[in-house]
């Protein structure tokens, strides 16, 4: 997994990311990356990874504190690539049910909470199957219905179903990966998902083309 087409990957640090696991995965892949909470530093990178764990309202407060909310909107507007992970897949939406939080609004939609009906445990935690719903370079070389690692109580629900590129079953079929133009986001943790998670990160860093195949405007 060498010869990356992009020179540098920025990892957004807003005191809410699982940065060590992401760093370990990027080191394994031999990627050229920089972890930073400084918008000027991140602006010099080619692609962003936007991880996150925790509560949506607090995460948005931290993004605003560092000036990263407007930076992410501008990075997206410029057509540069972003990969949201876990909480980062929720706050790219318009809002979250968690503390009724207004989010980045890069993809119209809402992060919804699992109901827990039928005795399902919330948070949803552990390995689960991801069903890719259409062709996407993000899942290139990954066998259909591979398993990835999840830890979450909320999940993305975009207004436009065409934005959905993968679904997972947990009491209902929820959206586990979304795409809009140069923005991808996954609810699972690829950096904790072994071989296929590393393949997904490699695909994003090295092979993603000028637009995602699904979810075009």
Protein backbone atom coordinates (compact mmCIF):
# COMPACT_ATOMS: atom_id res chain seq x y z
CA UNK A 1 0.00 0.00 0.00
CA UNK A 2 2.39 2.66 -1.25
CA UNK A 3 2.73 5.39 -3.89
CA UNK A 4 -0.12 7.58 -2.67
CA UNK A 5 -1.49 9.98 -5.25
CA UNK A 6 -1.95 12.73 -2.65
CA UNK A 7 0.98 14.18 -0.73
CA UNK A 8 -0.52 14.97 2.66
CA UNK A 9 -3.53 14.02 4.78
CA UNK A 10 -4.77 16.26 7.58
CA UNK A 11 -6.40 14.76 10.68
CA UNK A 12 -8.74 17.20 12.44
CA UNK A 13 -7.99 17.46 16.16
CA UNK A 14 -10.85 19.10 18.08
CA UNK A 15 -10.45 17.26 21.38
CA UNK A 16 -13.11 14.75 20.33
CA UNK A 17 -11.28 12.37 18.05
CA UNK A 18 -9.92 8.87 18.55
CA UNK A 19 -6.62 10.18 17.29
CA UNK A 20 -4.25 7.47 18.48
CA UNK A 21 -6.03 4.70 16.58
CA UNK A 22 -6.21 6.85 13.46
CA UNK A 23 -2.54 7.72 13.79
CA UNK A 24 -1.60 4.06 14.18
CA UNK A 25 -3.57 3.12 11.05
CA UNK A 26 -2.01 5.92 8.99
CA UNK A 27 1.47 4.94 10.19
CA UNK A 28 0.82 1.36 9.12
CA UNK A 29 -0.31 2.55 5.69
CA UNK A 30 2.78 4.71 5.29
CA UNK A 31 0.66 7.82 4.72
CA UNK A 32 2.04 11.34 4.91
CA UNK A 33 -0.22 12.99 7.49
CA UNK A 34 -0.45 15.79 10.03
CA UNK A 35 -2.71 15.99 13.09
CA UNK A 36 -3.70 19.54 13.91
CA UNK A 37 -6.41 21.79 15.31
CA UNK A 38 -5.04 24.80 13.38
CA UNK A 39 -7.13 25.66 10.28
CA UNK A 40 -4.14 27.24 8.50
CA UNK A 41 -2.09 24.07 8.94
CA UNK A 42 -4.93 21.81 7.81
CA UNK A 43 -5.62 24.04 4.79
CA UNK A 44 -2.23 23.02 3.40
CA UNK A 45 -3.24 19.35 3.25
CA UNK A 46 -4.83 17.57 0.29
CA UNK A 47 -7.47 15.56 2.13
CA UNK A 48 -8.93 15.53 5.63
CA UNK A 49 -9.89 12.79 8.03
CA UNK A 50 -12.50 14.06 10.49
CA UNK A 51 -12.82 11.54 13.35
CA UNK A 52 -14.82 11.96 16.52
CA UNK A 53 -16.26 10.35 19.63
CA UNK A 54 -18.46 11.88 22.29
CA UNK A 55 -21.43 14.25 22.37
CA UNK A 56 -22.55 16.30 19.39
CA UNK A 57 -23.18 19.61 21.16
CA UNK A 58 -19.82 19.60 22.92
CA UNK A 59 -18.07 18.63 19.67
CA UNK A 60 -19.66 21.54 17.79
CA UNK A 61 -18.62 23.91 20.60
CA UNK A 62 -15.01 22.75 20.22
CA UNK A 63 -15.11 23.11 16.45
CA UNK A 64 -16.35 26.69 16.81
CA UNK A 65 -13.73 27.42 19.49
CA UNK A 66 -10.90 26.47 17.13
CA UNK A 67 -12.51 28.00 14.05
CA UNK A 68 -12.78 24.55 12.51
CA UNK A 69 -16.50 24.71 11.74
CA UNK A 70 -16.15 27.41 9.09
CA UNK A 71 -12.87 25.87 7.93
CA UNK A 72 -14.54 22.50 7.25
CA UNK A 73 -17.35 24.18 5.33
CA UNK A 74 -14.82 26.06 3.21
CA UNK A 75 -12.64 22.98 2.68
CA UNK A 76 -15.72 21.16 1.39
CA UNK A 77 -16.83 24.11 -0.75
CA UNK A 78 -13.41 24.16 -2.41
CA UNK A 79 -13.90 20.55 -3.54
CA UNK A 80 -11.22 19.10 -1.28
CA UNK A 81 -11.86 15.70 0.23
CA UNK A 82 -13.18 14.94 3.72
CA UNK A 83 -13.73 11.57 5.39
CA UNK A 84 -15.90 11.72 8.52
CA UNK A 85 -15.66 8.89 11.05
CA UNK A 86 -18.25 8.02 13.75
CA UNK A 87 -19.24 11.35 15.37
CA UNK A 88 -17.63 12.96 12.34
CA UNK A 89 -20.24 11.15 10.22
CA UNK A 90 -23.05 12.67 12.27
CA UNK A 91 -22.04 16.31 12.61
CA UNK A 92 -21.50 16.71 8.86
CA UNK A 93 -25.32 16.61 8.76
CA UNK A 94 -27.64 19.56 9.40
CA UNK A 95 -28.51 18.62 12.97
CA UNK A 96 -28.40 15.92 15.63
CA UNK A 97 -31.11 14.72 17.99
CA UNK A 98 -28.40 14.65 20.65
CA UNK A 99 -29.03 17.82 22.70
CA UNK A 100 -30.88 19.17 19.63
CA UNK A 101 -27.61 20.32 18.12
CA UNK A 102 -27.18 22.33 14.93
CA UNK A 103 -24.31 20.80 12.96
CA UNK A 104 -22.18 21.59 9.91
CA UNK A 105 -24.97 21.14 7.33
CA UNK A 106 -22.67 19.73 4.65
CA UNK A 107 -25.21 17.00 3.94
CA UNK A 108 -28.88 17.81 4.66
CA UNK A 109 -30.16 15.38 7.26
CA UNK A 110 -30.32 14.45 10.94
CA UNK A 111 -28.40 12.17 13.29
CA UNK A 112 -31.06 9.98 14.91
CA UNK A 113 -30.89 8.00 18.16
CA UNK A 114 -31.48 4.27 18.31
CA UNK A 115 -34.78 3.62 20.08
CA UNK A 116 -33.61 0.52 21.93
CA UNK A 117 -36.90 -1.18 21.08
CA UNK A 118 -36.94 -4.97 21.12
CA UNK A 119 -34.32 -5.13 23.82
CA UNK A 120 -31.47 -3.91 21.62
CA UNK A 121 -28.63 -2.45 23.61
CA UNK A 122 -27.74 1.19 23.08
CA UNK A 123 -25.02 2.07 22.25
CA UNK A 124 -24.64 -0.30 19.35
CA UNK A 125 -21.18 -1.71 20.03
CA UNK A 126 -19.04 -4.32 18.29
CA UNK A 127 -18.60 -5.85 14.85
CA UNK A 128 -21.41 -5.71 12.33
CA UNK A 129 -21.92 -6.28 8.64
CA UNK A 130 -21.86 -3.36 6.21
CA UNK A 131 -24.01 -3.77 3.09
CA UNK A 132 -22.72 -1.55 0.28
CA UNK A 133 -25.73 -0.21 -1.62
CA UNK A 134 -23.98 0.90 -4.80
CA UNK A 135 -20.65 1.27 -6.51
CA UNK A 136 -18.18 3.45 -4.59
CA UNK A 137 -14.40 3.71 -4.68
CA UNK A 138 -14.45 3.91 -0.89
CA UNK A 139 -15.25 0.17 -0.75
CA UNK A 140 -13.00 -0.88 -3.65
CA UNK A 141 -11.43 -4.30 -3.05
CA UNK A 142 -13.53 -4.95 0.07
CA UNK A 143 -15.72 -8.09 -0.10
CA UNK A 144 -19.47 -7.58 0.02
CA UNK A 145 -20.94 -7.75 3.53
CA UNK A 146 -17.62 -7.36 5.32
CA UNK A 147 -17.72 -6.52 9.02
CA UNK A 148 -16.55 -3.29 10.63
CA UNK A 149 -16.35 -2.10 14.23
CA UNK A 150 -19.09 0.20 15.62
CA UNK A 151 -19.55 2.17 18.86
CA UNK A 152 -22.47 4.63 18.68
CA UNK A 153 -25.92 5.59 19.95
CA UNK A 154 -26.84 7.83 16.99
CA UNK A 155 -26.66 7.23 13.25
CA UNK A 156 -26.79 9.46 10.16
CA UNK A 157 -30.07 9.85 8.31
CA UNK A 158 -29.63 12.03 5.21
CA UNK A 159 -32.70 13.67 3.71
CA UNK A 160 -31.79 12.36 0.25
CA UNK A 161 -31.55 8.53 0.16
CA UNK A 162 -29.18 8.85 -2.82
CA UNK A 163 -26.52 9.99 -0.35
CA UNK A 164 -26.50 6.54 1.31
CA UNK A 165 -23.70 4.25 0.10
CA UNK A 166 -23.94 1.54 2.79
CA UNK A 167 -26.41 0.23 5.35
CA UNK A 168 -26.18 -1.96 8.45
CA UNK A 169 -28.83 -3.95 10.34
CA UNK A 170 -29.37 -3.25 14.04
CA UNK A 171 -33.05 -3.50 14.78
CA UNK A 172 -33.54 -1.49 11.61
CA UNK A 173 -31.52 -0.90 8.48
CA UNK A 174 -29.61 2.25 9.33
CA UNK A 175 -27.28 4.28 7.14
CA UNK A 176 -23.65 3.39 7.91
CA UNK A 177 -21.91 5.32 5.10
CA UNK A 178 -22.85 8.46 3.18
CA UNK A 179 -21.38 10.54 0.39
CA UNK A 180 -21.90 13.92 -1.18
CA UNK A 181 -19.46 14.94 -3.90
CA UNK A 182 -16.06 15.27 -2.17
CA UNK A 183 -17.38 14.28 1.28
CA UNK A 184 -17.51 10.71 2.56
CA UNK A 185 -18.55 9.68 6.05
CA UNK A 186 -18.77 6.30 7.81
CA UNK A 187 -20.47 5.52 11.10
CA UNK A 188 -18.10 2.65 11.90
CA UNK A 189 -14.43 2.96 12.87
CA UNK A 190 -12.23 1.85 9.93
CA UNK A 191 -9.13 2.50 12.02
CA UNK A 192 -10.33 -0.25 14.43
CA UNK A 193 -11.68 -2.62 11.79
CA UNK A 194 -8.67 -4.68 10.83
CA UNK A 195 -7.80 -5.54 7.24
CA UNK A 196 -10.89 -4.12 5.56
CA UNK A 197 -10.86 -0.96 7.61
CA UNK A 198 -7.27 -0.37 6.53
CA UNK A 199 -8.28 -1.06 2.93
CA UNK A 200 -11.03 1.55 3.17
CA UNK A 201 -8.59 4.14 4.54
CA UNK A 202 -6.12 3.27 1.79
CA UNK A 203 -8.89 3.68 -0.80
CA UNK A 204 -9.75 7.10 0.56
CA UNK A 205 -6.17 8.30 0.75
CA UNK A 206 -4.91 6.89 -2.54
CA UNK A 207 -7.70 6.05 -4.94
CA UNK A 208 -10.72 8.33 -4.47
CA UNK A 209 -11.41 10.14 -7.75
CA UNK A 210 -12.71 13.64 -8.43
CA UNK A 211 -16.25 12.88 -7.21
CA UNK A 212 -18.01 10.08 -5.38
CA UNK A 213 -20.05 7.94 -7.75
CA UNK A 214 -23.27 8.20 -5.76
CA UNK A 215 -24.74 11.31 -4.22
CA UNK A 216 -23.84 13.86 -6.89
CA UNK A 217 -25.60 17.21 -6.93
